[in-house]
């Protein structure tokens, strides 16, 4: 079972059935859950608009410390 990320927040989204069907199809095509697809769409839109900075790359030292 996945652990809950302490930075993750939940909210209710109302969406019309036609849009939901399209979203379900799209998420299936990309082997994601609907929730995962929505997260990707939002992150991509924020990145493209310049409102979300790219994640910084880890240094080799940070990566090796995580594997210990």
PDB file of N, CA and C in Angstrom:
ATOM      1  N   UNK A   1       0.836  -1.181   0.000  1.00  0.00           N
ATOM      2  CA  UNK A   1       0.000   0.000   0.000  1.00  0.00           C
ATOM      3  C   UNK A   1       0.878   1.240   0.000  1.00  0.00           C
ATOM      4  N   UNK A   2       0.536   2.224  -0.796  1.00  0.00           N
ATOM      5  CA  UNK A   2       1.322   3.452  -0.898  1.00  0.00           C
ATOM      6  C   UNK A   2       1.143   4.297   0.349  1.00  0.00           C
ATOM      7  N   UNK A   3       2.210   4.977   0.727  1.00  0.00           N
ATOM      8  CA  UNK A   3       2.111   5.887   1.868  1.00  0.00           C
ATOM      9  C   UNK A   3       1.652   7.249   1.395  1.00  0.00           C
ATOM     10  N   UNK A   4       0.939   7.951   2.254  1.00  0.00           N
ATOM     11  CA  UNK A   4       0.406   9.262   1.894  1.00  0.00           C
ATOM     12  C   UNK A   4       1.514  10.299   2.000  1.00  0.00           C
ATOM     13  N   UNK A   5       1.716  11.047   0.941  1.00  0.00           N
ATOM     14  CA  UNK A   5       2.694  12.131   0.922  1.00  0.00           C
ATOM     15  C   UNK A   5       2.161  13.267   1.784  1.00  0.00           C
ATOM     16  N   UNK A   6       2.953  13.740   2.726  1.00  0.00           N
ATOM     17  CA  UNK A   6       2.481  14.791   3.635  1.00  0.00           C
ATOM     18  C   UNK A   6       2.225  16.106   2.917  1.00  0.00           C
ATOM     19  N   UNK A   7       2.710  16.260   1.679  1.00  0.00           N
ATOM     20  CA  UNK A   7       2.481  17.484   0.911  1.00  0.00           C
ATOM     21  C   UNK A   7       1.269  17.383  -0.002  1.00  0.00           C
ATOM     22  N   UNK A   8       0.567  16.267   0.017  1.00  0.00           N
ATOM     23  CA  UNK A   8      -0.567  16.061  -0.866  1.00  0.00           C
ATOM     24  C   UNK A   8      -1.851  16.518  -0.190  1.00  0.00           C
ATOM     25  N   UNK A   9      -2.667  17.255  -0.957  1.00  0.00           N
ATOM     26  CA  UNK A   9      -3.952  17.716  -0.454  1.00  0.00           C
ATOM     27  C   UNK A   9      -5.057  17.181  -1.344  1.00  0.00           C
ATOM     28  N   UNK A  10      -6.202  16.937  -0.759  1.00  0.00           N
ATOM     29  CA  UNK A  10      -7.359  16.415  -1.496  1.00  0.00           C
ATOM     30  C   UNK A  10      -8.394  17.514  -1.690  1.00  0.00           C
ATOM     31  N   UNK A  11      -9.171  17.389  -2.774  1.00  0.00           N
ATOM     32  CA  UNK A  11     -10.288  18.297  -2.999  1.00  0.00           C
ATOM     33  C   UNK A  11     -11.296  17.616  -3.910  1.00  0.00           C
ATOM     34  N   UNK A  12     -12.514  18.125  -3.888  1.00  0.00           N
ATOM     35  CA  UNK A  12     -13.580  17.573  -4.714  1.00  0.00           C
ATOM     36  C   UNK A  12     -13.597  18.315  -6.048  1.00  0.00           C
ATOM     37  N   UNK A  13     -13.762  17.575  -7.128  1.00  0.00           N
ATOM     38  CA  UNK A  13     -13.824  18.159  -8.460  1.00  0.00           C
ATOM     39  C   UNK A  13     -15.112  17.716  -9.130  1.00  0.00           C
ATOM     40  N   UNK A  14     -15.888  18.666  -9.579  1.00  0.00           N
ATOM     41  CA  UNK A  14     -17.096  18.347 -10.339  1.00  0.00           C
ATOM     42  C   UNK A  14     -16.765  18.476 -11.813  1.00  0.00           C
ATOM     43  N   UNK A  15     -17.127  17.455 -12.582  1.00  0.00           N
ATOM     44  CA  UNK A  15     -16.777  17.430 -13.996  1.00  0.00           C
ATOM     45  C   UNK A  15     -17.924  16.783 -14.768  1.00  0.00           C
ATOM     46  N   UNK A  16     -18.221  17.295 -15.937  1.00  0.00           N
ATOM     47  CA  UNK A  16     -19.335  16.728 -16.705  1.00  0.00           C
ATOM     48  C   UNK A  16     -18.951  15.340 -17.228  1.00  0.00           C
ATOM     49  N   UNK A  17     -19.963  14.540 -17.510  1.00  0.00           N
ATOM     50  CA  UNK A  17     -19.728  13.132 -17.858  1.00  0.00           C
ATOM     51  C   UNK A  17     -18.948  12.969 -19.162  1.00  0.00           C
ATOM     52  N   UNK A  18     -19.177  13.835 -20.138  1.00  0.00           N
ATOM     53  CA  UNK A  18     -18.452  13.731 -21.408  1.00  0.00           C
ATOM     54  C   UNK A  18     -16.959  13.982 -21.210  1.00  0.00           C
ATOM     55  N   UNK A  19     -16.633  14.983 -20.411  1.00  0.00           N
ATOM     56  CA  UNK A  19     -15.226  15.282 -20.115  1.00  0.00           C
ATOM     57  C   UNK A  19     -14.599  14.154 -19.311  1.00  0.00           C
ATOM     58  N   UNK A  20     -15.352  13.596 -18.371  1.00  0.00           N
ATOM     59  CA  UNK A  20     -14.838  12.498 -17.550  1.00  0.00           C
ATOM     60  C   UNK A  20     -14.551  11.276 -18.405  1.00  0.00           C
ATOM     61  N   UNK A  21     -15.419  10.969 -19.333  1.00  0.00           N
ATOM     62  CA  UNK A  21     -15.188   9.830 -20.230  1.00  0.00           C
ATOM     63  C   UNK A  21     -13.923  10.038 -21.061  1.00  0.00           C
ATOM     64  N   UNK A  22     -13.729  11.248 -21.567  1.00  0.00           N
ATOM     65  CA  UNK A  22     -12.525  11.548 -22.345  1.00  0.00           C
ATOM     66  C   UNK A  22     -11.285  11.427 -21.471  1.00  0.00           C
ATOM     67  N   UNK A  23     -11.370  11.896 -20.233  1.00  0.00           N
ATOM     68  CA  UNK A  23     -10.256  11.818 -19.296  1.00  0.00           C
ATOM     69  C   UNK A  23      -9.931  10.367 -18.946  1.00  0.00           C
ATOM     70  N   UNK A  24     -10.958   9.561 -18.733  1.00  0.00           N
ATOM     71  CA  UNK A  24     -10.742   8.138 -18.449  1.00  0.00           C
ATOM     72  C   UNK A  24     -10.049   7.441 -19.613  1.00  0.00           C
ATOM     73  N   UNK A  25     -10.475   7.728 -20.825  1.00  0.00           N
ATOM     74  CA  UNK A  25      -9.860   7.134 -22.019  1.00  0.00           C
ATOM     75  C   UNK A  25      -8.398   7.555 -22.137  1.00  0.00           C
ATOM     76  N   UNK A  26      -8.144   8.849 -21.947  1.00  0.00           N
ATOM     77  CA  UNK A  26      -6.782   9.378 -22.037  1.00  0.00           C
ATOM     78  C   UNK A  26      -5.886   8.724 -20.984  1.00  0.00           C
ATOM     79  N   UNK A  27      -6.374   8.635 -19.756  1.00  0.00           N
ATOM     80  CA  UNK A  27      -5.558   8.041 -18.700  1.00  0.00           C
ATOM     81  C   UNK A  27      -5.281   6.564 -18.987  1.00  0.00           C
ATOM     82  N   UNK A  28      -6.262   5.838 -19.522  1.00  0.00           N
ATOM     83  CA  UNK A  28      -6.039   4.439 -19.904  1.00  0.00           C
ATOM     84  C   UNK A  28      -4.984   4.329 -20.990  1.00  0.00           C
ATOM     85  N   UNK A  29      -5.047   5.231 -21.970  1.00  0.00           N
ATOM     86  CA  UNK A  29      -4.077   5.218 -23.066  1.00  0.00           C
ATOM     87  C   UNK A  29      -2.650   5.421 -22.574  1.00  0.00           C
ATOM     88  N   UNK A  30      -2.490   6.149 -21.477  1.00  0.00           N
ATOM     89  CA  UNK A  30      -1.157   6.443 -20.952  1.00  0.00           C
ATOM     90  C   UNK A  30      -0.823   5.631 -19.703  1.00  0.00           C
ATOM     91  N   UNK A  31      -1.646   4.603 -19.422  1.00  0.00           N
ATOM     92  CA  UNK A  31      -1.418   3.691 -18.297  1.00  0.00           C
ATOM     93  C   UNK A  31      -1.302   4.431 -16.971  1.00  0.00           C
ATOM     94  N   UNK A  32      -2.201   5.394 -16.775  1.00  0.00           N
ATOM     95  CA  UNK A  32      -2.270   6.133 -15.516  1.00  0.00           C
ATOM     96  C   UNK A  32      -3.673   6.001 -14.949  1.00  0.00           C
ATOM     97  N   UNK A  33      -3.792   6.256 -13.653  1.00  0.00           N
ATOM     98  CA  UNK A  33      -5.121   6.394 -13.060  1.00  0.00           C
ATOM     99  C   UNK A  33      -5.659   7.759 -13.476  1.00  0.00           C
ATOM    100  N   UNK A  34      -6.954   7.964 -13.314  1.00  0.00           N
ATOM    101  CA  UNK A  34      -7.535   9.271 -13.619  1.00  0.00           C
ATOM    102  C   UNK A  34      -6.884  10.327 -12.722  1.00  0.00           C
ATOM    103  N   UNK A  35      -6.700  10.001 -11.451  1.00  0.00           N
ATOM    104  CA  UNK A  35      -6.058  10.929 -10.529  1.00  0.00           C
ATOM    105  C   UNK A  35      -4.637  11.264 -10.992  1.00  0.00           C
ATOM    106  N   UNK A  36      -3.886  10.251 -11.370  1.00  0.00           N
ATOM    107  CA  UNK A  36      -2.528  10.474 -11.860  1.00  0.00           C
ATOM    108  C   UNK A  36      -2.506  11.319 -13.122  1.00  0.00           C
ATOM    109  N   UNK A  37      -3.481  11.081 -13.999  1.00  0.00           N
ATOM    110  CA  UNK A  37      -3.561  11.859 -15.237  1.00  0.00           C
ATOM    111  C   UNK A  37      -3.854  13.327 -14.928  1.00  0.00           C
ATOM    112  N   UNK A  38      -4.787  13.569 -14.006  1.00  0.00           N
ATOM    113  CA  UNK A  38      -5.098  14.950 -13.616  1.00  0.00           C
ATOM    114  C   UNK A  38      -3.879  15.632 -12.997  1.00  0.00           C
ATOM    115  N   UNK A  39      -3.143  14.915 -12.157  1.00  0.00           N
ATOM    116  CA  UNK A  39      -1.935  15.484 -11.560  1.00  0.00           C
ATOM    117  C   UNK A  39      -0.923  15.844 -12.651  1.00  0.00           C
ATOM    118  N   UNK A  40      -0.771  14.962 -13.634  1.00  0.00           N
ATOM    119  CA  UNK A  40       0.174  15.230 -14.722  1.00  0.00           C
ATOM    120  C   UNK A  40      -0.274  16.434 -15.549  1.00  0.00           C
ATOM    121  N   UNK A  41      -1.567  16.495 -15.883  1.00  0.00           N
ATOM    122  CA  UNK A  41      -2.096  17.608 -16.679  1.00  0.00           C
ATOM    123  C   UNK A  41      -1.865  18.934 -15.958  1.00  0.00           C
ATOM    124  N   UNK A  42      -2.162  18.968 -14.666  1.00  0.00           N
ATOM    125  CA  UNK A  42      -1.999  20.203 -13.898  1.00  0.00           C
ATOM    126  C   UNK A  42      -0.527  20.592 -13.800  1.00  0.00           C
ATOM    127  N   UNK A  43       0.338  19.621 -13.501  1.00  0.00           N
ATOM    128  CA  UNK A  43       1.772  19.912 -13.390  1.00  0.00           C
ATOM    129  C   UNK A  43       2.332  20.420 -14.720  1.00  0.00           C
ATOM    130  N   UNK A  44       1.909  19.796 -15.817  1.00  0.00           N
ATOM    131  CA  UNK A  44       2.375  20.205 -17.145  1.00  0.00           C
ATOM    132  C   UNK A  44       1.897  21.617 -17.485  1.00  0.00           C
ATOM    133  N   UNK A  45       0.645  21.916 -17.176  1.00  0.00           N
ATOM    134  CA  UNK A  45       0.115  23.263 -17.437  1.00  0.00           C
ATOM    135  C   UNK A  45       0.853  24.314 -16.608  1.00  0.00           C
ATOM    136  N   UNK A  46       1.133  24.005 -15.352  1.00  0.00           N
ATOM    137  CA  UNK A  46       1.874  24.939 -14.504  1.00  0.00           C
ATOM    138  C   UNK A  46       3.295  25.148 -15.025  1.00  0.00           C
ATOM    139  N   UNK A  47       3.933  24.053 -15.450  1.00  0.00           N
ATOM    140  CA  UNK A  47       5.297  24.155 -15.979  1.00  0.00           C
ATOM    141  C   UNK A  47       5.325  25.001 -17.246  1.00  0.00           C
ATOM    142  N   UNK A  48       4.397  24.723 -18.176  1.00  0.00           N
ATOM    143  CA  UNK A  48       4.364  25.448 -19.446  1.00  0.00           C
ATOM    144  C   UNK A  48       4.073  26.929 -19.263  1.00  0.00           C
ATOM    145  N   UNK A  49       3.284  27.274 -18.250  1.00  0.00           N
ATOM    146  CA  UNK A  49       2.946  28.680 -18.020  1.00  0.00           C
ATOM    147  C   UNK A  49       4.014  29.406 -17.211  1.00  0.00           C
ATOM    148  N   UNK A  50       5.035  28.671 -16.768  1.00  0.00           N
ATOM    149  CA  UNK A  50       6.111  29.273 -15.991  1.00  0.00           C
ATOM    150  C   UNK A  50       5.732  29.502 -14.540  1.00  0.00           C
ATOM    151  N   UNK A  51       4.685  28.868 -14.082  1.00  0.00           N
ATOM    152  CA  UNK A  51       4.222  29.063 -12.707  1.00  0.00           C
ATOM    153  C   UNK A  51       4.752  28.004 -11.748  1.00  0.00           C
ATOM    154  N   UNK A  52       5.408  26.983 -12.262  1.00  0.00           N
ATOM    155  CA  UNK A  52       5.970  25.932 -11.417  1.00  0.00           C
ATOM    156  C   UNK A  52       7.397  25.684 -11.866  1.00  0.00           C
ATOM    157  N   UNK A  53       8.352  25.921 -10.985  1.00  0.00           N
ATOM    158  CA  UNK A  53       9.746  25.676 -11.379  1.00  0.00           C
ATOM    159  C   UNK A  53      10.004  24.185 -11.540  1.00  0.00           C
ATOM    160  N   UNK A  54      10.937  23.869 -12.406  1.00  0.00           N
ATOM    161  CA  UNK A  54      11.322  22.470 -12.600  1.00  0.00           C
ATOM    162  C   UNK A  54      11.964  21.951 -11.327  1.00  0.00           C
ATOM    163  N   UNK A  55      11.802  20.659 -11.090  1.00  0.00           N
ATOM    164  CA  UNK A  55      12.431  20.035  -9.928  1.00  0.00           C
ATOM    165  C   UNK A  55      13.937  20.077 -10.120  1.00  0.00           C
ATOM    166  N   UNK A  56      14.646  20.397  -9.033  1.00  0.00           N
ATOM    167  CA  UNK A  56      16.101  20.450  -9.164  1.00  0.00           C
ATOM    168  C   UNK A  56      16.663  19.040  -9.264  1.00  0.00           C
ATOM    169  N   UNK A  57      17.722  18.903 -10.028  1.00  0.00           N
ATOM    170  CA  UNK A  57      18.369  17.610 -10.188  1.00  0.00           C
ATOM    171  C   UNK A  57      19.176  17.313  -8.934  1.00  0.00           C
ATOM    172  N   UNK A  58      19.150  16.039  -8.524  1.00  0.00           N
ATOM    173  CA  UNK A  58      19.915  15.634  -7.366  1.00  0.00           C
ATOM    174  C   UNK A  58      21.383  15.456  -7.740  1.00  0.00           C
ATOM    175  N   UNK A  59      22.249  15.797  -6.797  1.00  0.00           N
ATOM    176  CA  UNK A  59      23.673  15.560  -7.013  1.00  0.00           C
ATOM    177  C   UNK A  59      23.958  14.085  -6.770  1.00  0.00           C
ATOM    178  N   UNK A  60      25.108  13.626  -7.212  1.00  0.00           N
ATOM    179  CA  UNK A  60      25.485  12.225  -6.991  1.00  0.00           C
ATOM    180  C   UNK A  60      25.533  11.914  -5.504  1.00  0.00           C
ATOM    181  N   UNK A  61      25.981  12.873  -4.683  1.00  0.00           N
ATOM    182  CA  UNK A  61      26.084  12.667  -3.252  1.00  0.00           C
ATOM    183  C   UNK A  61      24.684  12.483  -2.631  1.00  0.00           C
ATOM    184  N   UNK A  62      23.726  13.300  -3.044  1.00  0.00           N
ATOM    185  CA  UNK A  62      22.358  13.179  -2.524  1.00  0.00           C
ATOM    186  C   UNK A  62      21.762  11.830  -2.898  1.00  0.00           C
ATOM    187  N   UNK A  63      21.998  11.395  -4.123  1.00  0.00           N
ATOM    188  CA  UNK A  63      21.477  10.119  -4.591  1.00  0.00           C
ATOM    189  C   UNK A  63      22.079   8.966  -3.829  1.00  0.00           C
ATOM    190  N   UNK A  64      23.387   8.999  -3.585  1.00  0.00           N
ATOM    191  CA  UNK A  64      24.041   7.905  -2.859  1.00  0.00           C
ATOM    192  C   UNK A  64      23.606   7.880  -1.412  1.00  0.00           C
ATOM    193  N   UNK A  65      23.315   9.027  -0.792  1.00  0.00           N
ATOM    194  CA  UNK A  65      22.848   9.060   0.577  1.00  0.00           C
ATOM    195  C   UNK A  65      21.454   8.457   0.715  1.00  0.00           C
ATOM    196  N   UNK A  66      20.615   8.572  -0.312  1.00  0.00           N
ATOM    197  CA  UNK A  66      19.267   8.031  -0.287  1.00  0.00           C
ATOM    198  C   UNK A  66      19.274   6.507  -0.370  1.00  0.00           C
ATOM    199  N   UNK A  67      20.274   5.941  -1.021  1.00  0.00           N
ATOM    200  CA  UNK A  67      20.320   4.494  -1.206  1.00  0.00           C
ATOM    201  C   UNK A  67      20.936   3.771  -0.013  1.00  0.00           C
ATOM    202  N   UNK A  68      21.489   4.508   0.922  1.00  0.00           N
ATOM    203  CA  UNK A  68      22.125   3.877   2.106  1.00  0.00           C
ATOM    204  C   UNK A  68      21.116   3.519   3.152  1.00  0.00           C
TER     205      UNK A  68
END
